[in-house]
Amino acid sequence: MNKLKTNQSICKRFKVTSNFKILRRKSCKSHLLQKKSSKRKRNLRRVSIVHLNDKGNFINSLPYFN
């Protein structure tokens, strides 16, 4: 049987914790930062967790994460 292939683009953008939670970075931080408030930009620095409803989409792309 062949090995399953990991989606490398997803592997670079997301990180799996020891409790099998998937961490992601927030969007809207790349450009047009002048009009955004400091508080909003500061909150965009944080890492957030992928919602449980979306976690199923990552199972096929990251076959060896569990």
PDB file of N, CA and C in Angstrom:
ATOM      1  N   MET A   1       0.832  -1.178   0.000  1.00  0.00           N
ATOM      2  CA  MET A   1       0.000   0.000   0.000  1.00  0.00           C
ATOM      3  C   MET A   1       0.882   1.248   0.000  1.00  0.00           C
ATOM      4  N   ASN A   2       0.490   2.244  -0.773  1.00  0.00           N
ATOM      5  CA  ASN A   2       1.272   3.462  -0.879  1.00  0.00           C
ATOM      6  C   ASN A   2       1.134   4.327   0.368  1.00  0.00           C
ATOM      7  N   LYS A   3       2.144   5.172   0.565  1.00  0.00           N
ATOM      8  CA  LYS A   3       2.058   6.141   1.656  1.00  0.00           C
ATOM      9  C   LYS A   3       1.052   7.223   1.296  1.00  0.00           C
ATOM     10  N   LEU A   4       0.428   7.786   2.312  1.00  0.00           N
ATOM     11  CA  LEU A   4      -0.460   8.925   2.097  1.00  0.00           C
ATOM     12  C   LEU A   4       0.387  10.187   2.004  1.00  0.00           C
ATOM     13  N   LYS A   5      -0.014  11.101   1.136  1.00  0.00           N
ATOM     14  CA  LYS A   5       0.756  12.328   0.960  1.00  0.00           C
ATOM     15  C   LYS A   5       0.164  13.446   1.800  1.00  0.00           C
ATOM     16  N   THR A   6       1.045  14.182   2.459  1.00  0.00           N
ATOM     17  CA  THR A   6       0.646  15.340   3.250  1.00  0.00           C
ATOM     18  C   THR A   6       0.606  16.559   2.345  1.00  0.00           C
ATOM     19  N   ASN A   7      -0.430  17.364   2.488  1.00  0.00           N
ATOM     20  CA  ASN A   7      -0.524  18.609   1.745  1.00  0.00           C
ATOM     21  C   ASN A   7       0.464  19.602   2.361  1.00  0.00           C
ATOM     22  N   GLN A   8       1.524  19.930   1.633  1.00  0.00           N
ATOM     23  CA  GLN A   8       2.611  20.739   2.185  1.00  0.00           C
ATOM     24  C   GLN A   8       2.203  22.185   2.436  1.00  0.00           C
ATOM     25  N   SER A   9       1.285  22.707   1.636  1.00  0.00           N
ATOM     26  CA  SER A   9       0.859  24.090   1.865  1.00  0.00           C
ATOM     27  C   SER A   9       0.088  24.211   3.169  1.00  0.00           C
ATOM     28  N   ILE A  10      -0.719  23.214   3.496  1.00  0.00           N
ATOM     29  CA  ILE A  10      -1.439  23.213   4.771  1.00  0.00           C
ATOM     30  C   ILE A  10      -0.475  22.943   5.918  1.00  0.00           C
ATOM     31  N   CYS A  11       0.495  22.096   5.676  1.00  0.00           N
ATOM     32  CA  CYS A  11       1.480  21.752   6.706  1.00  0.00           C
ATOM     33  C   CYS A  11       2.294  22.981   7.128  1.00  0.00           C
ATOM     34  N   LYS A  12       2.554  23.902   6.178  1.00  0.00           N
ATOM     35  CA  LYS A  12       3.329  25.097   6.487  1.00  0.00           C
ATOM     36  C   LYS A  12       2.492  26.168   7.177  1.00  0.00           C
ATOM     37  N   ARG A  13       1.197  26.191   6.927  1.00  0.00           N
ATOM     38  CA  ARG A  13       0.348  27.255   7.457  1.00  0.00           C
ATOM     39  C   ARG A  13      -0.285  26.944   8.803  1.00  0.00           C
ATOM     40  N   PHE A  14      -0.367  25.671   9.150  1.00  0.00           N
ATOM     41  CA  PHE A  14      -1.043  25.255  10.368  1.00  0.00           C
ATOM     42  C   PHE A  14      -0.104  24.426  11.218  1.00  0.00           C
ATOM     43  N   LYS A  15      -0.365  24.426  12.526  1.00  0.00           N
ATOM     44  CA  LYS A  15       0.458  23.664  13.459  1.00  0.00           C
ATOM     45  C   LYS A  15      -0.468  22.841  14.343  1.00  0.00           C
ATOM     46  N   VAL A  16      -0.079  21.621  14.635  1.00  0.00           N
ATOM     47  CA  VAL A  16      -0.881  20.739  15.482  1.00  0.00           C
ATOM     48  C   VAL A  16      -0.239  20.683  16.856  1.00  0.00           C
ATOM     49  N   THR A  17      -1.035  20.914  17.899  1.00  0.00           N
ATOM     50  CA  THR A  17      -0.532  20.899  19.266  1.00  0.00           C
ATOM     51  C   THR A  17      -0.496  19.470  19.792  1.00  0.00           C
ATOM     52  N   SER A  18      -0.015  19.309  21.006  1.00  0.00           N
ATOM     53  CA  SER A  18       0.061  17.976  21.608  1.00  0.00           C
ATOM     54  C   SER A  18      -1.322  17.426  21.942  1.00  0.00           C
ATOM     55  N   ASN A  19      -2.304  18.317  22.114  1.00  0.00           N
ATOM     56  CA  ASN A  19      -3.681  17.875  22.370  1.00  0.00           C
ATOM     57  C   ASN A  19      -4.492  17.760  21.088  1.00  0.00           C
ATOM     58  N   PHE A  20      -3.793  17.752  19.927  1.00  0.00           N
ATOM     59  CA  PHE A  20      -4.403  17.599  18.605  1.00  0.00           C
ATOM     60  C   PHE A  20      -5.355  18.740  18.256  1.00  0.00           C
ATOM     61  N   LYS A  21      -5.024  19.932  18.743  1.00  0.00           N
ATOM     62  CA  LYS A  21      -5.730  21.125  18.286  1.00  0.00           C
ATOM     63  C   LYS A  21      -4.915  21.713  17.134  1.00  0.00           C
ATOM     64  N   ILE A  22      -5.593  22.341  16.184  1.00  0.00           N
ATOM     65  CA  ILE A  22      -4.924  22.904  15.022  1.00  0.00           C
ATOM     66  C   ILE A  22      -4.887  24.418  15.180  1.00  0.00           C
ATOM     67  N   LEU A  23      -3.672  24.992  15.163  1.00  0.00           N
ATOM     68  CA  LEU A  23      -3.493  26.425  15.320  1.00  0.00           C
ATOM     69  C   LEU A  23      -3.382  27.082  13.952  1.00  0.00           C
ATOM     70  N   ARG A  24      -3.902  28.303  13.850  1.00  0.00           N
ATOM     71  CA  ARG A  24      -3.840  29.043  12.600  1.00  0.00           C
ATOM     72  C   ARG A  24      -3.542  30.506  12.886  1.00  0.00           C
ATOM     73  N   ARG A  25      -3.034  31.205  11.890  1.00  0.00           N
ATOM     74  CA  ARG A  25      -2.819  32.638  11.984  1.00  0.00           C
ATOM     75  C   ARG A  25      -4.046  33.358  11.459  1.00  0.00           C
ATOM     76  N   LYS A  26      -4.245  34.585  11.908  1.00  0.00           N
ATOM     77  CA  LYS A  26      -5.405  35.357  11.469  1.00  0.00           C
ATOM     78  C   LYS A  26      -5.098  36.084  10.165  1.00  0.00           C
ATOM     79  N   SER A  27      -6.146  36.345   9.416  1.00  0.00           N
ATOM     80  CA  SER A  27      -5.990  37.025   8.129  1.00  0.00           C
ATOM     81  C   SER A  27      -6.056  38.535   8.321  1.00  0.00           C
ATOM     82  N   CYS A  28      -5.937  39.273   7.222  1.00  0.00           N
ATOM     83  CA  CYS A  28      -6.044  40.749   7.176  1.00  0.00           C
ATOM     84  C   CYS A  28      -4.863  41.443   7.839  1.00  0.00           C
ATOM     85  N   LYS A  29      -3.698  40.843   7.845  1.00  0.00           N
ATOM     86  CA  LYS A  29      -2.528  41.437   8.489  1.00  0.00           C
ATOM     87  C   LYS A  29      -1.440  41.783   7.480  1.00  0.00           C
ATOM     88  N   SER A  30      -1.694  41.594   6.187  1.00  0.00           N
ATOM     89  CA  SER A  30      -0.624  41.738   5.210  1.00  0.00           C
ATOM     90  C   SER A  30      -0.516  43.125   4.607  1.00  0.00           C
ATOM     91  N   HIS A  31      -1.620  43.820   4.380  1.00  0.00           N
ATOM     92  CA  HIS A  31      -1.547  45.134   3.747  1.00  0.00           C
ATOM     93  C   HIS A  31      -2.720  45.998   4.204  1.00  0.00           C
ATOM     94  N   LEU A  32      -2.702  47.271   3.816  1.00  0.00           N
ATOM     95  CA  LEU A  32      -3.713  48.260   4.220  1.00  0.00           C
ATOM     96  C   LEU A  32      -3.781  48.377   5.744  1.00  0.00           C
ATOM     97  N   LEU A  33      -2.614  48.440   6.374  1.00  0.00           N
ATOM     98  CA  LEU A  33      -2.558  48.478   7.834  1.00  0.00           C
ATOM     99  C   LEU A  33      -2.714  49.882   8.391  1.00  0.00           C
ATOM    100  N   GLN A  34      -2.617  50.877   7.531  1.00  0.00           N
ATOM    101  CA  GLN A  34      -2.662  52.258   8.013  1.00  0.00           C
ATOM    102  C   GLN A  34      -4.038  52.628   8.557  1.00  0.00           C
ATOM    103  N   LYS A  35      -5.077  52.088   7.950  1.00  0.00           N
ATOM    104  CA  LYS A  35      -6.434  52.435   8.375  1.00  0.00           C
ATOM    105  C   LYS A  35      -6.935  51.578   9.542  1.00  0.00           C
ATOM    106  N   LYS A  36      -6.220  50.531   9.868  1.00  0.00           N
ATOM    107  CA  LYS A  36      -6.634  49.657  10.964  1.00  0.00           C
ATOM    108  C   LYS A  36      -6.098  50.209  12.282  1.00  0.00           C
ATOM    109  N   SER A  37      -6.890  50.061  13.319  1.00  0.00           N
ATOM    110  CA  SER A  37      -6.487  50.585  14.620  1.00  0.00           C
ATOM    111  C   SER A  37      -5.383  49.724  15.230  1.00  0.00           C
ATOM    112  N   SER A  38      -4.681  50.289  16.185  1.00  0.00           N
ATOM    113  CA  SER A  38      -3.603  49.556  16.851  1.00  0.00           C
ATOM    114  C   SER A  38      -4.142  48.353  17.605  1.00  0.00           C
ATOM    115  N   LYS A  39      -5.302  48.504  18.199  1.00  0.00           N
ATOM    116  CA  LYS A  39      -5.908  47.399  18.935  1.00  0.00           C
ATOM    117  C   LYS A  39      -6.249  46.246  18.001  1.00  0.00           C
ATOM    118  N   ARG A  40      -6.765  46.585  16.832  1.00  0.00           N
ATOM    119  CA  ARG A  40      -7.119  45.548  15.862  1.00  0.00           C
ATOM    120  C   ARG A  40      -5.882  44.823  15.346  1.00  0.00           C
ATOM    121  N   LYS A  41      -4.820  45.571  15.066  1.00  0.00           N
ATOM    122  CA  LYS A  41      -3.579  44.955  14.585  1.00  0.00           C
ATOM    123  C   LYS A  41      -2.930  44.096  15.656  1.00  0.00           C
ATOM    124  N   ARG A  42      -3.033  44.545  16.896  1.00  0.00           N
ATOM    125  CA  ARG A  42      -2.473  43.776  18.010  1.00  0.00           C
ATOM    126  C   ARG A  42      -3.211  42.453  18.164  1.00  0.00           C
ATOM    127  N   ASN A  43      -4.530  42.466  18.001  1.00  0.00           N
ATOM    128  CA  ASN A  43      -5.299  41.228  18.120  1.00  0.00           C
ATOM    129  C   ASN A  43      -5.084  40.292  16.933  1.00  0.00           C
ATOM    130  N   LEU A  44      -4.693  40.844  15.797  1.00  0.00           N
ATOM    131  CA  LEU A  44      -4.408  40.012  14.636  1.00  0.00           C
ATOM    132  C   LEU A  44      -3.097  39.248  14.788  1.00  0.00           C
ATOM    133  N   ARG A  45      -2.240  39.663  15.720  1.00  0.00           N
ATOM    134  CA  ARG A  45      -0.981  38.953  15.963  1.00  0.00           C
ATOM    135  C   ARG A  45      -1.197  37.602  16.624  1.00  0.00           C
ATOM    136  N   ARG A  46      -2.296  37.470  17.321  1.00  0.00           N
ATOM    137  CA  ARG A  46      -2.532  36.244  18.086  1.00  0.00           C
ATOM    138  C   ARG A  46      -2.779  35.045  17.175  1.00  0.00           C
ATOM    139  N   VAL A  47      -2.463  33.893  17.701  1.00  0.00           N
ATOM    140  CA  VAL A  47      -2.757  32.643  17.014  1.00  0.00           C
ATOM    141  C   VAL A  47      -4.090  32.136  17.540  1.00  0.00           C
ATOM    142  N   SER A  48      -4.925  31.629  16.653  1.00  0.00           N
ATOM    143  CA  SER A  48      -6.215  31.112  17.098  1.00  0.00           C
ATOM    144  C   SER A  48      -6.327  29.639  16.735  1.00  0.00           C
ATOM    145  N   ILE A  49      -7.341  28.998  17.260  1.00  0.00           N
ATOM    146  CA  ILE A  49      -7.559  27.566  17.082  1.00  0.00           C
ATOM    147  C   ILE A  49      -8.621  27.357  16.014  1.00  0.00           C
ATOM    148  N   VAL A  50      -8.399  26.384  15.156  1.00  0.00           N
ATOM    149  CA  VAL A  50      -9.386  26.036  14.131  1.00  0.00           C
ATOM    150  C   VAL A  50     -10.603  25.440  14.824  1.00  0.00           C
ATOM    151  N   HIS A  51     -11.777  25.862  14.386  1.00  0.00           N
ATOM    152  CA  HIS A  51     -13.020  25.415  15.000  1.00  0.00           C
ATOM    153  C   HIS A  51     -13.219  23.920  14.772  1.00  0.00           C
ATOM    154  N   LEU A  52     -13.899  23.265  15.705  1.00  0.00           N
ATOM    155  CA  LEU A  52     -14.119  21.818  15.618  1.00  0.00           C
ATOM    156  C   LEU A  52     -14.877  21.425  14.353  1.00  0.00           C
ATOM    157  N   ASN A  53     -15.790  22.288  13.888  1.00  0.00           N
ATOM    158  CA  ASN A  53     -16.551  21.963  12.680  1.00  0.00           C
ATOM    159  C   ASN A  53     -15.661  21.937  11.442  1.00  0.00           C
ATOM    160  N   ASP A  54     -14.584  22.697  11.442  1.00  0.00           N
ATOM    161  CA  ASP A  54     -13.679  22.746  10.299  1.00  0.00           C
ATOM    162  C   ASP A  54     -12.531  21.746  10.413  1.00  0.00           C
ATOM    163  N   LYS A  55     -12.397  21.116  11.541  1.00  0.00           N
ATOM    164  CA  LYS A  55     -11.272  20.209  11.770  1.00  0.00           C
ATOM    165  C   LYS A  55     -11.320  18.996  10.842  1.00  0.00           C
ATOM    166  N   GLY A  56     -12.516  18.586  10.462  1.00  0.00           N
ATOM    167  CA  GLY A  56     -12.653  17.436   9.563  1.00  0.00           C
ATOM    168  C   GLY A  56     -12.045  17.672   8.197  1.00  0.00           C
ATOM    169  N   ASN A  57     -11.969  18.929   7.757  1.00  0.00           N
ATOM    170  CA  ASN A  57     -11.372  19.234   6.457  1.00  0.00           C
ATOM    171  C   ASN A  57      -9.871  18.999   6.454  1.00  0.00           C
ATOM    172  N   PHE A  58      -9.240  18.996   7.615  1.00  0.00           N
ATOM    173  CA  PHE A  58      -7.801  18.831   7.711  1.00  0.00           C
ATOM    174  C   PHE A  58      -7.379  17.364   7.830  1.00  0.00           C
ATOM    175  N   ILE A  59      -8.313  16.495   8.124  1.00  0.00           N
ATOM    176  CA  ILE A  59      -7.963  15.091   8.355  1.00  0.00           C
ATOM    177  C   ILE A  59      -7.341  14.472   7.110  1.00  0.00           C
ATOM    178  N   ASN A  60      -7.923  14.733   5.921  1.00  0.00           N
ATOM    179  CA  ASN A  60      -7.384  14.146   4.700  1.00  0.00           C
ATOM    180  C   ASN A  60      -6.103  14.836   4.253  1.00  0.00           C
ATOM    181  N   SER A  61      -5.958  16.126   4.576  1.00  0.00           N
ATOM    182  CA  SER A  61      -4.782  16.858   4.119  1.00  0.00           C
ATOM    183  C   SER A  61      -3.565  16.598   5.005  1.00  0.00           C
ATOM    184  N   LEU A  62      -3.798  16.319   6.280  1.00  0.00           N
ATOM    185  CA  LEU A  62      -2.713  16.019   7.222  1.00  0.00           C
ATOM    186  C   LEU A  62      -2.918  14.615   7.786  1.00  0.00           C
ATOM    187  N   PRO A  63      -2.606  13.579   7.020  1.00  0.00           N
ATOM    188  CA  PRO A  63      -2.936  12.218   7.440  1.00  0.00           C
ATOM    189  C   PRO A  63      -2.148  11.720   8.648  1.00  0.00           C
ATOM    190  N   TYR A  64      -0.959  12.285   8.907  1.00  0.00           N
ATOM    191  CA  TYR A  64      -0.105  11.758   9.971  1.00  0.00           C
ATOM    192  C   TYR A  64      -0.066  12.653  11.194  1.00  0.00           C
ATOM    193  N   PHE A  65      -1.056  13.520  11.376  1.00  0.00           N
ATOM    194  CA  PHE A  65      -0.976  14.454  12.487  1.00  0.00           C
ATOM    195  C   PHE A  65      -1.443  13.827  13.797  1.00  0.00           C
ATOM    196  N   ASN A  66      -2.145  12.703  13.794  1.00  0.00           N
ATOM    197  CA  ASN A  66      -2.608  12.113  15.051  1.00  0.00           C
ATOM    198  C   ASN A  66      -1.833  10.901  15.448  1.00  0.00           C
TER     199      ASN A  66
END
